[in-house]
Amino acid sequence: DLKDDAIHWVGLEGDPRQNYIPGIQWVHDDLLLIQR
C-alpha cells in the first residue's frame, strides 16, 4: 500500500510450494488478476 508502505499477502489457497504463479496483472486500481 503506497500510502503507508505496509505489505499484506494475498491469501491464496493451498501450499505455496506446490503451486506456481506464472502471471499477475492489474485490471484497475482495485482489481488484480492472479494466474495460479
ModelCIF file with pLDDT and N, C-alpha, C, O atoms, coordinates in Angstrom:
data_MODEL
#
_entry.id   MODEL 
#
_entity.id                         1 
_entity.type                       polymer 
_entity.pdbx_number_of_molecules   1 
#
_entity_poly.entity_id                      1 
_entity_poly.type                           'polypeptide(L)' 
_entity_poly.nstd_linkage                   no 
_entity_poly.nstd_monomer                   no 
_entity_poly.pdbx_seq_one_letter_code       DLKDDAIHWVGLEGDPRQNYIPGIQWVHDDLLLIQR 
_entity_poly.pdbx_seq_one_letter_code_can   DLKDDAIHWVGLEGDPRQNYIPGIQWVHDDLLLIQR 
_entity_poly.pdbx_strand_id                 A 
#
loop_
_entity_poly_seq.entity_id 
_entity_poly_seq.num 
_entity_poly_seq.mon_id 
_entity_poly_seq.hetero 
1 1  ASP n 
1 2  LEU n 
1 3  LYS n 
1 4  ASP n 
1 5  ASP n 
1 6  ALA n 
1 7  ILE n 
1 8  HIS n 
1 9  TRP n 
1 10 VAL n 
1 11 GLY n 
1 12 LEU n 
1 13 GLU n 
1 14 GLY n 
1 15 ASP n 
1 16 PRO n 
1 17 ARG n 
1 18 GLN n 
1 19 ASN n 
1 20 TYR n 
1 21 ILE n 
1 22 PRO n 
1 23 GLY n 
1 24 ILE n 
1 25 GLN n 
1 26 TRP n 
1 27 VAL n 
1 28 HIS n 
1 29 ASP n 
1 30 ASP n 
1 31 LEU n 
1 32 LEU n 
1 33 LEU n 
1 34 ILE n 
1 35 GLN n 
1 36 ARG n 
#
_struct_asym.id          A 
_struct_asym.entity_id   1 
#
loop_
_ma_qa_metric.id 
_ma_qa_metric.mode 
_ma_qa_metric.name 
_ma_qa_metric.software_group_id 
_ma_qa_metric.type 
1 global pLDDT . pLDDT 
2 local  pLDDT . pLDDT 
#
_ma_qa_metric_global.metric_id      1 
_ma_qa_metric_global.metric_value   96.78 
_ma_qa_metric_global.model_id       1 
_ma_qa_metric_global.ordinal_id     1 
#
loop_
_ma_qa_metric_local.label_asym_id 
_ma_qa_metric_local.label_comp_id 
_ma_qa_metric_local.label_seq_id 
_ma_qa_metric_local.metric_id 
_ma_qa_metric_local.metric_value 
_ma_qa_metric_local.model_id 
_ma_qa_metric_local.ordinal_id 
A ASP 1  2 97.00 1 1  
A LEU 2  2 96.00 1 2  
A LYS 3  2 95.00 1 3  
A ASP 4  2 96.00 1 4  
A ASP 5  2 97.00 1 5  
A ALA 6  2 97.00 1 6  
A ILE 7  2 98.00 1 7  
A HIS 8  2 97.00 1 8  
A TRP 9  2 98.00 1 9  
A VAL 10 2 98.00 1 10 
A GLY 11 2 95.00 1 11 
A LEU 12 2 96.00 1 12 
A GLU 13 2 93.00 1 13 
A GLY 14 2 93.00 1 14 
A ASP 15 2 95.00 1 15 
A PRO 16 2 95.00 1 16 
A ARG 17 2 95.00 1 17 
A GLN 18 2 96.00 1 18 
A ASN 19 2 97.00 1 19 
A TYR 20 2 98.00 1 20 
A ILE 21 2 98.00 1 21 
A PRO 22 2 97.00 1 22 
A GLY 23 2 97.00 1 23 
A ILE 24 2 98.00 1 24 
A GLN 25 2 98.00 1 25 
A TRP 26 2 98.00 1 26 
A VAL 27 2 98.00 1 27 
A HIS 28 2 97.00 1 28 
A ASP 29 2 96.00 1 29 
A ASP 30 2 97.00 1 30 
A LEU 31 2 98.00 1 31 
A LEU 32 2 98.00 1 32 
A LEU 33 2 98.00 1 33 
A ILE 34 2 98.00 1 34 
A GLN 35 2 98.00 1 35 
A ARG 36 2 98.00 1 36 
#
loop_
_atom_site.group_PDB 
_atom_site.id 
_atom_site.type_symbol 
_atom_site.label_atom_id 
_atom_site.label_alt_id 
_atom_site.label_comp_id 
_atom_site.label_asym_id 
_atom_site.label_entity_id 
_atom_site.label_seq_id 
_atom_site.pdbx_PDB_ins_code 
_atom_site.Cartn_x 
_atom_site.Cartn_y 
_atom_site.Cartn_z 
_atom_site.occupancy 
_atom_site.B_iso_or_equiv 
_atom_site.pdbx_formal_charge 
_atom_site.auth_seq_id 
_atom_site.auth_comp_id 
_atom_site.auth_asym_id 
_atom_site.auth_atom_id 
_atom_site.pdbx_PDB_model_num 
ATOM 1   N N  . ASP A 1 1  ? 0.865  -1.177  0.000   1.00 97.00 ? 1  ASP A N  1 
ATOM 2   C CA . ASP A 1 1  ? 0.000  0.000   0.000   1.00 97.00 ? 1  ASP A CA 1 
ATOM 3   C C  . ASP A 1 1  ? 0.904  1.231   0.000   1.00 97.00 ? 1  ASP A C  1 
ATOM 4   O O  . ASP A 1 1  ? 1.598  1.484   0.985   1.00 97.00 ? 1  ASP A O  1 
ATOM 5   N N  . LEU A 1 2  ? 0.907  1.981   -1.066  1.00 96.00 ? 2  LEU A N  1 
ATOM 6   C CA . LEU A 1 2  ? 1.853  3.080   -1.214  1.00 96.00 ? 2  LEU A CA 1 
ATOM 7   C C  . LEU A 1 2  ? 1.479  4.320   -0.402  1.00 96.00 ? 2  LEU A C  1 
ATOM 8   O O  . LEU A 1 2  ? 2.196  5.320   -0.440  1.00 96.00 ? 2  LEU A O  1 
ATOM 9   N N  . LYS A 1 3  ? 0.369  4.268   0.330   1.00 95.00 ? 3  LYS A N  1 
ATOM 10  C CA . LYS A 1 3  ? 0.049  5.363   1.248   1.00 95.00 ? 3  LYS A CA 1 
ATOM 11  C C  . LYS A 1 3  ? 0.897  5.270   2.511   1.00 95.00 ? 3  LYS A C  1 
ATOM 12  O O  . LYS A 1 3  ? 1.327  6.290   3.050   1.00 95.00 ? 3  LYS A O  1 
ATOM 13  N N  . ASP A 1 4  ? 1.138  4.047   2.983   1.00 96.00 ? 4  ASP A N  1 
ATOM 14  C CA . ASP A 1 4  ? 1.920  3.874   4.210   1.00 96.00 ? 4  ASP A CA 1 
ATOM 15  C C  . ASP A 1 4  ? 3.029  2.836   4.063   1.00 96.00 ? 4  ASP A C  1 
ATOM 16  O O  . ASP A 1 4  ? 3.737  2.539   5.026   1.00 96.00 ? 4  ASP A O  1 
ATOM 17  N N  . ASP A 1 5  ? 3.182  2.277   2.841   1.00 97.00 ? 5  ASP A N  1 
ATOM 18  C CA . ASP A 1 5  ? 4.213  1.279   2.526   1.00 97.00 ? 5  ASP A CA 1 
ATOM 19  C C  . ASP A 1 5  ? 4.016  -0.039  3.272   1.00 97.00 ? 5  ASP A C  1 
ATOM 20  O O  . ASP A 1 5  ? 4.933  -0.857  3.332   1.00 97.00 ? 5  ASP A O  1 
ATOM 21  N N  . ALA A 1 6  ? 2.829  -0.252  3.840   1.00 97.00 ? 6  ALA A N  1 
ATOM 22  C CA . ALA A 1 6  ? 2.551  -1.518  4.511   1.00 97.00 ? 6  ALA A CA 1 
ATOM 23  C C  . ALA A 1 6  ? 2.363  -2.632  3.473   1.00 97.00 ? 6  ALA A C  1 
ATOM 24  O O  . ALA A 1 6  ? 1.849  -2.395  2.380   1.00 97.00 ? 6  ALA A O  1 
ATOM 25  N N  . ILE A 1 7  ? 2.787  -3.847  3.831   1.00 98.00 ? 7  ILE A N  1 
ATOM 26  C CA . ILE A 1 7  ? 2.682  -5.005  2.943   1.00 98.00 ? 7  ILE A CA 1 
ATOM 27  C C  . ILE A 1 7  ? 1.680  -5.986  3.533   1.00 98.00 ? 7  ILE A C  1 
ATOM 28  O O  . ILE A 1 7  ? 1.744  -6.308  4.720   1.00 98.00 ? 7  ILE A O  1 
ATOM 29  N N  . HIS A 1 8  ? 0.765  -6.454  2.713   1.00 97.00 ? 8  HIS A N  1 
ATOM 30  C CA . HIS A 1 8  ? -0.041 -7.603  3.104   1.00 97.00 ? 8  HIS A CA 1 
ATOM 31  C C  . HIS A 1 8  ? 0.018  -8.645  1.998   1.00 97.00 ? 8  HIS A C  1 
ATOM 32  O O  . HIS A 1 8  ? 0.309  -8.325  0.845   1.00 97.00 ? 8  HIS A O  1 
ATOM 33  N N  . TRP A 1 9  ? -0.258 -9.877  2.352   1.00 98.00 ? 9  TRP A N  1 
ATOM 34  C CA . TRP A 1 9  ? -0.072 -11.003 1.434   1.00 98.00 ? 9  TRP A CA 1 
ATOM 35  C C  . TRP A 1 9  ? -1.421 -11.547 0.987   1.00 98.00 ? 9  TRP A C  1 
ATOM 36  O O  . TRP A 1 9  ? -2.350 -11.685 1.783   1.00 98.00 ? 9  TRP A O  1 
ATOM 37  N N  . VAL A 1 10 ? -1.507 -11.848 -0.287  1.00 98.00 ? 10 VAL A N  1 
ATOM 38  C CA . VAL A 1 10 ? -2.743 -12.405 -0.834  1.00 98.00 ? 10 VAL A CA 1 
ATOM 39  C C  . VAL A 1 10 ? -2.890 -13.842 -0.333  1.00 98.00 ? 10 VAL A C  1 
ATOM 40  O O  . VAL A 1 10 ? -1.989 -14.664 -0.502  1.00 98.00 ? 10 VAL A O  1 
ATOM 41  N N  . GLY A 1 11 ? -4.035 -14.131 0.284   1.00 95.00 ? 11 GLY A N  1 
ATOM 42  C CA . GLY A 1 11 ? -4.234 -15.428 0.925   1.00 95.00 ? 11 GLY A CA 1 
ATOM 43  C C  . GLY A 1 11 ? -4.738 -16.489 -0.036  1.00 95.00 ? 11 GLY A C  1 
ATOM 44  O O  . GLY A 1 11 ? -5.890 -16.913 0.058   1.00 95.00 ? 11 GLY A O  1 
ATOM 45  N N  . LEU A 1 12 ? -3.888 -16.923 -0.961  1.00 96.00 ? 12 LEU A N  1 
ATOM 46  C CA . LEU A 1 12 ? -4.281 -17.978 -1.896  1.00 96.00 ? 12 LEU A CA 1 
ATOM 47  C C  . LEU A 1 12 ? -4.347 -19.317 -1.184  1.00 96.00 ? 12 LEU A C  1 
ATOM 48  O O  . LEU A 1 12 ? -3.575 -19.587 -0.264  1.00 96.00 ? 12 LEU A O  1 
ATOM 49  N N  . GLU A 1 13 ? -5.274 -20.148 -1.622  1.00 93.00 ? 13 GLU A N  1 
ATOM 50  C CA . GLU A 1 13 ? -5.442 -21.468 -1.030  1.00 93.00 ? 13 GLU A CA 1 
ATOM 51  C C  . GLU A 1 13 ? -4.265 -22.372 -1.397  1.00 93.00 ? 13 GLU A C  1 
ATOM 52  O O  . GLU A 1 13 ? -3.576 -22.136 -2.389  1.00 93.00 ? 13 GLU A O  1 
ATOM 53  N N  . GLY A 1 14 ? -4.046 -23.402 -0.591  1.00 93.00 ? 14 GLY A N  1 
ATOM 54  C CA . GLY A 1 14 ? -3.071 -24.430 -0.942  1.00 93.00 ? 14 GLY A CA 1 
ATOM 55  C C  . GLY A 1 14 ? -1.649 -24.089 -0.536  1.00 93.00 ? 14 GLY A C  1 
ATOM 56  O O  . GLY A 1 14 ? -1.350 -22.980 -0.095  1.00 93.00 ? 14 GLY A O  1 
ATOM 57  N N  . ASP A 1 15 ? -0.787 -25.074 -0.697  1.00 95.00 ? 15 ASP A N  1 
ATOM 58  C CA . ASP A 1 15 ? 0.620  -24.980 -0.318  1.00 95.00 ? 15 ASP A CA 1 
ATOM 59  C C  . ASP A 1 15 ? 1.379  -24.147 -1.348  1.00 95.00 ? 15 ASP A C  1 
ATOM 60  O O  . ASP A 1 15 ? 1.407  -24.522 -2.520  1.00 95.00 ? 15 ASP A O  1 
ATOM 61  N N  . PRO A 1 16 ? 1.997  -23.030 -0.955  1.00 95.00 ? 16 PRO A N  1 
ATOM 62  C CA . PRO A 1 16 ? 2.729  -22.206 -1.929  1.00 95.00 ? 16 PRO A CA 1 
ATOM 63  C C  . PRO A 1 16 ? 3.928  -22.914 -2.540  1.00 95.00 ? 16 PRO A C  1 
ATOM 64  O O  . PRO A 1 16 ? 4.453  -22.467 -3.560  1.00 95.00 ? 16 PRO A O  1 
ATOM 65  N N  . ARG A 1 17 ? 4.368  -24.013 -1.933  1.00 95.00 ? 17 ARG A N  1 
ATOM 66  C CA . ARG A 1 17 ? 5.477  -24.779 -2.518  1.00 95.00 ? 17 ARG A CA 1 
ATOM 67  C C  . ARG A 1 17 ? 5.006  -25.848 -3.498  1.00 95.00 ? 17 ARG A C  1 
ATOM 68  O O  . ARG A 1 17 ? 5.822  -26.535 -4.112  1.00 95.00 ? 17 ARG A O  1 
ATOM 69  N N  . GLN A 1 18 ? 3.706  -25.986 -3.642  1.00 96.00 ? 18 GLN A N  1 
ATOM 70  C CA . GLN A 1 18 ? 3.167  -26.984 -4.561  1.00 96.00 ? 18 GLN A CA 1 
ATOM 71  C C  . GLN A 1 18 ? 2.309  -26.334 -5.641  1.00 96.00 ? 18 GLN A C  1 
ATOM 72  O O  . GLN A 1 18 ? 1.513  -26.999 -6.304  1.00 96.00 ? 18 GLN A O  1 
ATOM 73  N N  . ASN A 1 19 ? 2.483  -25.026 -5.807  1.00 97.00 ? 19 ASN A N  1 
ATOM 74  C CA . ASN A 1 19 ? 1.751  -24.286 -6.831  1.00 97.00 ? 19 ASN A CA 1 
ATOM 75  C C  . ASN A 1 19 ? 2.660  -23.208 -7.412  1.00 97.00 ? 19 ASN A C  1 
ATOM 76  O O  . ASN A 1 19 ? 3.566  -22.711 -6.743  1.00 97.00 ? 19 ASN A O  1 
ATOM 77  N N  . TYR A 1 20 ? 2.399  -22.857 -8.671  1.00 98.00 ? 20 TYR A N  1 
ATOM 78  C CA . TYR A 1 20 ? 3.153  -21.801 -9.345  1.00 98.00 ? 20 TYR A CA 1 
ATOM 79  C C  . TYR A 1 20 ? 2.232  -20.619 -9.614  1.00 98.00 ? 20 TYR A C  1 
ATOM 80  O O  . TYR A 1 20 ? 1.017  -20.771 -9.741  1.00 98.00 ? 20 TYR A O  1 
ATOM 81  N N  . ILE A 1 21 ? 2.840  -19.439 -9.698  1.00 98.00 ? 21 ILE A N  1 
ATOM 82  C CA . ILE A 1 21 ? 2.098  -18.233 -10.065 1.00 98.00 ? 21 ILE A CA 1 
ATOM 83  C C  . ILE A 1 21 ? 2.787  -17.644 -11.298 1.00 98.00 ? 21 ILE A C  1 
ATOM 84  O O  . ILE A 1 21 ? 3.716  -16.848 -11.162 1.00 98.00 ? 21 ILE A O  1 
ATOM 85  N N  . PRO A 1 22 ? 2.347  -18.021 -12.489 1.00 97.00 ? 22 PRO A N  1 
ATOM 86  C CA . PRO A 1 22 ? 3.029  -17.572 -13.705 1.00 97.00 ? 22 PRO A CA 1 
ATOM 87  C C  . PRO A 1 22 ? 2.613  -16.194 -14.198 1.00 97.00 ? 22 PRO A C  1 
ATOM 88  O O  . PRO A 1 22 ? 3.244  -15.661 -15.111 1.00 97.00 ? 22 PRO A O  1 
ATOM 89  N N  . GLY A 1 23 ? 1.544  -15.583 -13.610 1.00 97.00 ? 23 GLY A N  1 
ATOM 90  C CA . GLY A 1 23 ? 1.122  -14.285 -14.110 1.00 97.00 ? 23 GLY A CA 1 
ATOM 91  C C  . GLY A 1 23 ? 0.251  -13.527 -13.130 1.00 97.00 ? 23 GLY A C  1 
ATOM 92  O O  . GLY A 1 23 ? -0.632 -14.104 -12.495 1.00 97.00 ? 23 GLY A O  1 
ATOM 93  N N  . ILE A 1 24 ? 0.506  -12.205 -13.006 1.00 98.00 ? 24 ILE A N  1 
ATOM 94  C CA . ILE A 1 24 ? -0.407 -11.298 -12.313 1.00 98.00 ? 24 ILE A CA 1 
ATOM 95  C C  . ILE A 1 24 ? -0.515 -10.026 -13.149 1.00 98.00 ? 24 ILE A C  1 
ATOM 96  O O  . ILE A 1 24 ? 0.417  -9.672  -13.872 1.00 98.00 ? 24 ILE A O  1 
ATOM 97  N N  . GLN A 1 25 ? -1.655 -9.337  -13.050 1.00 98.00 ? 25 GLN A N  1 
ATOM 98  C CA . GLN A 1 25 ? -1.810 -8.078  -13.770 1.00 98.00 ? 25 GLN A CA 1 
ATOM 99  C C  . GLN A 1 25 ? -2.962 -7.276  -13.179 1.00 98.00 ? 25 GLN A C  1 
ATOM 100 O O  . GLN A 1 25 ? -3.959 -7.840  -12.727 1.00 98.00 ? 25 GLN A O  1 
ATOM 101 N N  . TRP A 1 26 ? -2.813 -5.960  -13.187 1.00 98.00 ? 26 TRP A N  1 
ATOM 102 C CA . TRP A 1 26 ? -3.880 -5.081  -12.733 1.00 98.00 ? 26 TRP A CA 1 
ATOM 103 C C  . TRP A 1 26 ? -4.922 -4.895  -13.833 1.00 98.00 ? 26 TRP A C  1 
ATOM 104 O O  . TRP A 1 26 ? -4.582 -4.692  -14.999 1.00 98.00 ? 26 TRP A O  1 
ATOM 105 N N  . VAL A 1 27 ? -6.188 -4.968  -13.447 1.00 98.00 ? 27 VAL A N  1 
ATOM 106 C CA . VAL A 1 27 ? -7.291 -4.597  -14.332 1.00 98.00 ? 27 VAL A CA 1 
ATOM 107 C C  . VAL A 1 27 ? -7.615 -3.129  -14.111 1.00 98.00 ? 27 VAL A C  1 
ATOM 108 O O  . VAL A 1 27 ? -7.739 -2.360  -15.064 1.00 98.00 ? 27 VAL A O  1 
ATOM 109 N N  . HIS A 1 28 ? -7.751 -2.748  -12.850 1.00 97.00 ? 28 HIS A N  1 
ATOM 110 C CA . HIS A 1 28 ? -7.842 -1.346  -12.458 1.00 97.00 ? 28 HIS A CA 1 
ATOM 111 C C  . HIS A 1 28 ? -7.203 -1.243  -11.088 1.00 97.00 ? 28 HIS A C  1 
ATOM 112 O O  . HIS A 1 28 ? -6.614 -2.212  -10.609 1.00 97.00 ? 28 HIS A O  1 
ATOM 113 N N  . ASP A 1 29 ? -7.306 -0.110  -10.459 1.00 96.00 ? 29 ASP A N  1 
ATOM 114 C CA . ASP A 1 29 ? -6.516 0.133   -9.250  1.00 96.00 ? 29 ASP A CA 1 
ATOM 115 C C  . ASP A 1 29 ? -6.914 -0.749  -8.066  1.00 96.00 ? 29 ASP A C  1 
ATOM 116 O O  . ASP A 1 29 ? -6.166 -0.857  -7.095  1.00 96.00 ? 29 ASP A O  1 
ATOM 117 N N  . ASP A 1 30 ? -8.069 -1.370  -8.141  1.00 97.00 ? 30 ASP A N  1 
ATOM 118 C CA . ASP A 1 30 ? -8.515 -2.205  -7.024  1.00 97.00 ? 30 ASP A CA 1 
ATOM 119 C C  . ASP A 1 30 ? -8.914 -3.603  -7.481  1.00 97.00 ? 30 ASP A C  1 
ATOM 120 O O  . ASP A 1 30 ? -9.758 -4.251  -6.862  1.00 97.00 ? 30 ASP A O  1 
ATOM 121 N N  . LEU A 1 31 ? -8.302 -4.059  -8.568  1.00 98.00 ? 31 LEU A N  1 
ATOM 122 C CA . LEU A 1 31 ? -8.562 -5.426  -9.028  1.00 98.00 ? 31 LEU A CA 1 
ATOM 123 C C  . LEU A 1 31 ? -7.312 -5.994  -9.685  1.00 98.00 ? 31 LEU A C  1 
ATOM 124 O O  . LEU A 1 31 ? -6.802 -5.448  -10.663 1.00 98.00 ? 31 LEU A O  1 
ATOM 125 N N  . LEU A 1 32 ? -6.834 -7.092  -9.135  1.00 98.00 ? 32 LEU A N  1 
ATOM 126 C CA . LEU A 1 32 ? -5.645 -7.777  -9.632  1.00 98.00 ? 32 LEU A CA 1 
ATOM 127 C C  . LEU A 1 32 ? -6.032 -9.177  -10.089 1.00 98.00 ? 32 LEU A C  1 
ATOM 128 O O  . LEU A 1 32 ? -6.678 -9.920  -9.351  1.00 98.00 ? 32 LEU A O  1 
ATOM 129 N N  . LEU A 1 33 ? -5.633 -9.538  -11.315 1.00 98.00 ? 33 LEU A N  1 
ATOM 130 C CA . LEU A 1 33 ? -5.813 -10.914 -11.780 1.00 98.00 ? 33 LEU A CA 1 
ATOM 131 C C  . LEU A 1 33 ? -4.577 -11.730 -11.413 1.00 98.00 ? 33 LEU A C  1 
ATOM 132 O O  . LEU A 1 33 ? -3.447 -11.282 -11.601 1.00 98.00 ? 33 LEU A O  1 
ATOM 133 N N  . ILE A 1 34 ? -4.804 -12.925 -10.891 1.00 98.00 ? 34 ILE A N  1 
ATOM 134 C CA . ILE A 1 34 ? -3.714 -13.814 -10.482 1.00 98.00 ? 34 ILE A CA 1 
ATOM 135 C C  . ILE A 1 34 ? -3.915 -15.164 -11.148 1.00 98.00 ? 34 ILE A C  1 
ATOM 136 O O  . ILE A 1 34 ? -4.953 -15.800 -10.970 1.00 98.00 ? 34 ILE A O  1 
ATOM 137 N N  . GLN A 1 35 ? -2.925 -15.602 -11.916 1.00 98.00 ? 35 GLN A N  1 
ATOM 138 C CA . GLN A 1 35 ? -2.961 -16.930 -12.519 1.00 98.00 ? 35 GLN A CA 1 
ATOM 139 C C  . GLN A 1 35 ? -2.172 -17.893 -11.628 1.00 98.00 ? 35 GLN A C  1 
ATOM 140 O O  . GLN A 1 35 ? -1.015 -17.638 -11.293 1.00 98.00 ? 35 GLN A O  1 
ATOM 141 N N  . ARG A 1 36 ? -2.803 -18.985 -11.257 1.00 98.00 ? 36 ARG A N  1 
ATOM 142 C CA . ARG A 1 36 ? -2.127 -19.970 -10.402 1.00 98.00 ? 36 ARG A CA 1 
ATOM 143 C C  . ARG A 1 36 ? -2.239 -21.357 -11.021 1.00 98.00 ? 36 ARG A C  1 
ATOM 144 O O  . ARG A 1 36 ? -1.735 -22.327 -10.456 1.00 98.00 ? 36 ARG A O  1 
#
